[in-house]
Structures are given as structure tokens and as C-alpha cells.
Amino acid sequence: MDIGEVLVRRKLLLIGNFVLTSGKTSPYYIDLRRFPSYPEFRQVVDEAIKKVEKVDFDFVMGVATGGVPLASFLACKMGIPMGYVRVERKGYGTDKLVEGEVTGRKVLVVDDVATTGGSLERASAEIVRSGGKVVGALVIVDREEGASEKLRSLGIDFISVFKISDILRSLSSSLSENERKLIEEYLGGTK
């Protein structure tokens, strides 16, 4: 499977001019929330399982909302429990951020895309506050803008199924010269 081609064909990777959550402008945008709607997602799940087979974990925790589908598939296929971490409190009921019993568990935190690693860092902190030990973080796509370094500095193994540089390199021949130049400049400035 050529992941770049799949993401472009399914309109999950868009080339253009996009403002990110951080406020930065990017020549591409990845939106994987609809990825589980397509049959290729199964192959991504299989690749993810291969990537984490050497990580010692007994609980999968998805970061809402993007990480929940992958966490669910991993948990089902691997036969281990799962939960999820909310981005913000509901403001009613138990008002918890961590939905799942993580006390004493070795947790793999899962999200769809990582940029700087801020969401994974916040989710990990909540899991630790709830009694879990975060042993790894897994994403489908690493935008290669600092997440790996940030999580490793926290003592958390960072694993990506795909790196954006590899995805964009595979698409290089289908991009215009201007698109290719913008992306290369952007990627060069993020390292």
C-alpha cells in the first residue's frame, strides 16, 4: 500500500495553505478522523501492531477523538483493554478526563497525528495522575515537528507508523514544482 497515494485519493492529505492549531501555516494538512471509513485503515492497524510488538504494555489509551479508532482496533485485535483521554472536561457527571481504569497499568497512548507532541504530553500527564504508567506513544503519522524529541525527553518511547517526509517523498512526482518546493522548504524549516 502506498500510504501517500491512499491519503491523497481519500482526501485525508490535502496540499494547499493551512493554519494549524499552533497558529503556524503549513503547505499540507492531514485529517485522519475519517480514515477508519476506508478499507485501507485495516492495513494501517496491522502495520501499527507490528510497530508496537516489542513495547511492553497492557492497556491502550486513545487520545480523543483522533486516536480512539486506532486504539479500539488495536485493543480488539491484541485482546487487551482500552480507554480514552478527553481533551477537556465535560462539566457534568464524573467530569473525568481519563475514561478507563489505568491504575497500575502499563499504557500505550495512541493518537492519529503528532506535530509537536503537546496532545500526547497532556494525555500522558492525565494518565499518570490517574495511576497509570505511560510506556509508549503511537501515532499513524508523525509530522516530524518535535513530538518525537518531546516524548523521549519525558521518557516515553515514540513510535509512528509513517513519517510525513516519507509520505510526501512518495508523492513527489504527483506534486507541481511549486507544491514540491513549498513542502521541501517547510520540512527543512521544521527539523
Protein backbone atom coordinates (compact mmCIF):
# COMPACT_ATOMS: atom_id res chain seq x y z
CA MET A 1 0.00 0.00 0.00
CA ASP A 2 1.32 3.45 -0.94
CA ILE A 3 0.07 5.43 2.04
CA GLY A 4 0.65 8.80 0.36
CA GLU A 5 -1.46 7.84 -2.63
CA VAL A 6 -4.21 6.47 -0.36
CA LEU A 7 -4.27 9.61 1.79
CA VAL A 8 -4.47 11.92 -1.24
CA ARG A 9 -7.09 9.79 -3.03
CA ARG A 10 -9.26 9.67 0.10
CA LYS A 11 -8.72 13.42 0.65
CA LEU A 12 -7.15 12.79 4.06
CA LEU A 13 -3.97 14.62 2.99
CA LEU A 14 -4.54 17.97 1.36
CA ILE A 15 -1.95 20.16 -0.33
CA GLY A 16 -2.51 23.91 -0.07
CA ASN A 17 -2.21 26.60 2.59
CA PHE A 18 -3.50 25.66 6.06
CA VAL A 19 -3.36 27.24 9.51
CA LEU A 20 -2.57 24.64 12.19
CA THR A 21 -3.71 24.54 15.83
CA SER A 22 -0.33 26.03 16.76
CA GLY A 23 -1.04 29.04 14.52
CA LYS A 24 1.68 28.01 12.05
CA THR A 25 0.90 27.94 8.34
CA SER A 26 1.55 24.64 6.58
CA PRO A 27 1.55 23.67 2.87
CA TYR A 28 -0.24 20.42 3.73
CA TYR A 29 -2.93 19.22 6.10
CA ILE A 30 -3.59 15.72 7.39
CA ASP A 31 -7.06 14.86 8.69
CA LEU A 32 -7.22 11.17 9.60
CA ARG A 33 -10.50 11.23 11.54
CA ARG A 34 -12.32 9.74 8.53
CA PHE A 35 -9.62 7.13 7.82
CA PRO A 36 -11.50 4.28 9.60
CA SER A 37 -14.26 4.79 6.99
CA TYR A 38 -12.00 3.22 4.36
CA PRO A 39 -10.77 -0.36 3.94
CA GLU A 40 -7.10 0.67 3.85
CA PHE A 41 -7.33 1.50 7.56
CA ARG A 42 -7.13 -2.22 8.32
CA GLN A 43 -3.64 -2.31 6.79
CA VAL A 44 -2.61 0.66 8.94
CA VAL A 45 -3.82 -1.22 12.04
CA ASP A 46 -1.77 -4.26 11.02
CA GLU A 47 1.33 -2.08 10.49
CA ALA A 48 0.76 -0.40 13.87
CA ILE A 49 0.63 -3.79 15.60
CA LYS A 50 3.99 -4.71 14.05
CA LYS A 51 5.49 -1.39 15.23
CA VAL A 52 4.46 -1.93 18.88
CA GLU A 53 5.08 -5.65 19.26
CA LYS A 54 8.27 -5.06 21.29
CA VAL A 55 6.66 -2.47 23.61
CA ASP A 56 5.66 -3.89 26.99
CA PHE A 57 2.12 -2.54 27.58
CA ASP A 58 -1.13 -3.96 28.90
CA PHE A 59 -3.56 -1.10 28.21
CA VAL A 60 -4.27 1.06 25.15
CA MET A 61 -5.44 4.63 25.66
CA GLY A 62 -6.70 6.70 22.71
CA VAL A 63 -6.48 10.48 22.66
CA ALA A 64 -9.94 11.83 21.81
CA THR A 65 -11.02 11.99 19.13
CA GLY A 66 -8.41 11.14 16.53
CA GLY A 67 -6.71 8.36 18.48
CA VAL A 68 -9.81 6.49 19.62
CA PRO A 69 -10.46 4.44 16.44
CA LEU A 70 -6.87 3.15 16.20
CA ALA A 71 -6.80 2.43 19.94
CA SER A 72 -10.06 0.49 19.61
CA PHE A 73 -8.84 -1.60 16.70
CA LEU A 74 -5.50 -2.31 18.42
CA ALA A 75 -7.19 -3.32 21.68
CA CYS A 76 -9.62 -5.65 19.91
CA LYS A 77 -7.01 -7.29 17.69
CA MET A 78 -4.49 -7.65 20.53
CA GLY A 79 -7.03 -8.70 23.16
CA ILE A 80 -6.18 -6.01 25.70
CA PRO A 81 -8.31 -3.35 27.42
CA MET A 82 -8.61 0.23 26.23
CA GLY A 83 -9.92 3.61 27.22
CA TYR A 84 -9.55 7.18 26.09
CA VAL A 85 -8.43 10.58 27.30
CA ARG A 86 -10.71 13.55 26.74
CA VAL A 87 -9.27 16.84 25.53
CA GLU A 88 -11.41 18.78 28.01
CA ARG A 89 -13.75 18.05 30.87
CA LYS A 90 -17.44 17.56 30.13
CA GLY A 91 -18.53 19.77 33.00
CA TYR A 92 -21.06 17.23 34.30
CA GLY A 93 -21.25 13.67 35.62
CA THR A 94 -17.91 12.49 36.96
CA ASP A 95 -16.13 15.17 34.92
CA LYS A 96 -13.12 12.88 34.33
CA LEU A 97 -10.58 13.31 31.56
CA VAL A 98 -9.41 9.69 31.68
CA GLU A 99 -12.09 7.17 30.74
CA GLY A 100 -10.71 3.78 31.64
CA GLU A 101 -9.16 2.07 34.66
CA VAL A 102 -5.42 2.65 34.24
CA THR A 103 -4.25 2.29 37.85
CA GLY A 104 -1.17 0.08 37.89
CA ARG A 105 -1.28 -0.39 34.09
CA LYS A 106 1.50 -0.01 31.52
CA VAL A 107 -0.20 2.25 28.97
CA LEU A 108 0.35 2.79 25.25
CA VAL A 109 -1.09 6.20 24.31
CA VAL A 110 -2.45 6.37 20.75
CA ASP A 111 -3.27 9.34 18.51
CA ASP A 112 -3.74 9.83 14.80
CA VAL A 113 -1.21 12.59 14.02
CA ALA A 114 1.61 14.15 16.06
CA THR A 115 3.08 17.56 15.39
CA THR A 116 4.79 18.97 18.48
CA GLY A 117 3.57 16.23 20.82
CA GLY A 118 1.54 18.55 23.04
CA SER A 119 -1.65 16.45 22.95
CA LEU A 120 0.28 13.27 23.73
CA GLU A 121 2.14 15.02 26.55
CA ARG A 122 -1.12 16.28 28.12
CA ALA A 123 -2.80 12.88 27.73
CA SER A 124 0.22 11.16 29.30
CA ALA A 125 0.18 13.54 32.26
CA GLU A 126 -3.52 12.76 32.87
CA ILE A 127 -2.86 9.02 32.68
CA VAL A 128 -0.06 9.33 35.23
CA ARG A 129 -2.33 11.41 37.51
CA SER A 130 -4.87 8.57 37.24
CA GLY A 131 -2.32 5.97 38.38
CA GLY A 132 -1.07 4.61 35.05
CA LYS A 133 2.48 4.40 33.71
CA VAL A 134 2.87 5.59 30.11
CA VAL A 135 5.40 3.32 28.39
CA GLY A 136 4.88 4.39 24.78
CA ALA A 137 3.09 6.70 22.38
CA LEU A 138 1.94 5.60 18.92
CA VAL A 139 0.67 7.72 16.04
CA ILE A 140 -0.28 6.96 12.47
CA VAL A 141 1.62 9.97 11.07
CA ASP A 142 4.49 11.91 12.62
CA ARG A 143 4.63 15.42 11.12
CA GLU A 144 8.24 15.48 12.37
CA GLU A 145 7.93 18.82 14.16
CA GLY A 146 9.20 17.89 17.61
CA ALA A 147 6.85 15.23 19.00
CA SER A 148 9.50 12.53 19.00
CA GLU A 149 12.01 14.66 20.88
CA LYS A 150 9.44 15.96 23.37
CA LEU A 151 8.14 12.50 24.28
CA ARG A 152 11.60 10.95 24.52
CA SER A 153 12.58 13.77 26.89
CA LEU A 154 9.67 12.61 29.08
CA GLY A 155 10.93 9.02 28.99
CA ILE A 156 8.19 7.85 26.62
CA ASP A 157 9.00 5.71 23.57
CA PHE A 158 7.58 7.46 20.47
CA ILE A 159 6.52 5.28 17.55
CA SER A 160 4.99 6.34 14.26
CA VAL A 161 3.57 4.08 11.60
CA PHE A 162 4.53 6.66 8.95
CA LYS A 163 6.67 9.81 8.81
CA ILE A 164 5.43 12.77 6.79
CA SER A 165 8.78 13.16 4.99
CA ASP A 166 8.44 9.62 3.60
CA ILE A 167 4.79 10.16 2.63
CA LEU A 168 5.50 13.43 0.84
CA ARG A 169 8.59 11.99 -0.85
CA SER A 170 6.42 9.17 -2.24
CA LEU A 171 4.04 11.80 -3.67
CA SER A 172 6.81 13.95 -5.12
CA SER A 173 6.15 13.02 -8.76
CA SER A 174 2.44 13.89 -8.46
CA LEU A 175 3.07 17.36 -6.99
CA SER A 176 3.60 20.51 -9.00
CA GLU A 177 7.07 22.07 -8.87
CA ASN A 178 5.72 24.88 -6.68
CA GLU A 179 3.98 22.45 -4.26
CA ARG A 180 7.14 20.35 -4.02
CA LYS A 181 9.27 23.46 -3.31
CA LEU A 182 6.88 24.78 -0.63
CA ILE A 183 6.78 21.41 1.14
CA GLU A 184 10.55 20.90 0.97
CA GLU A 185 11.12 24.38 2.42
CA TYR A 186 8.55 23.74 5.16
CA LEU A 187 10.04 20.36 6.08
CA GLY A 188 13.56 21.79 6.02
CA GLY A 189 12.49 24.51 8.45
CA THR A 190 10.87 22.12 10.91
CA LYS A 191 13.94 19.97 11.64
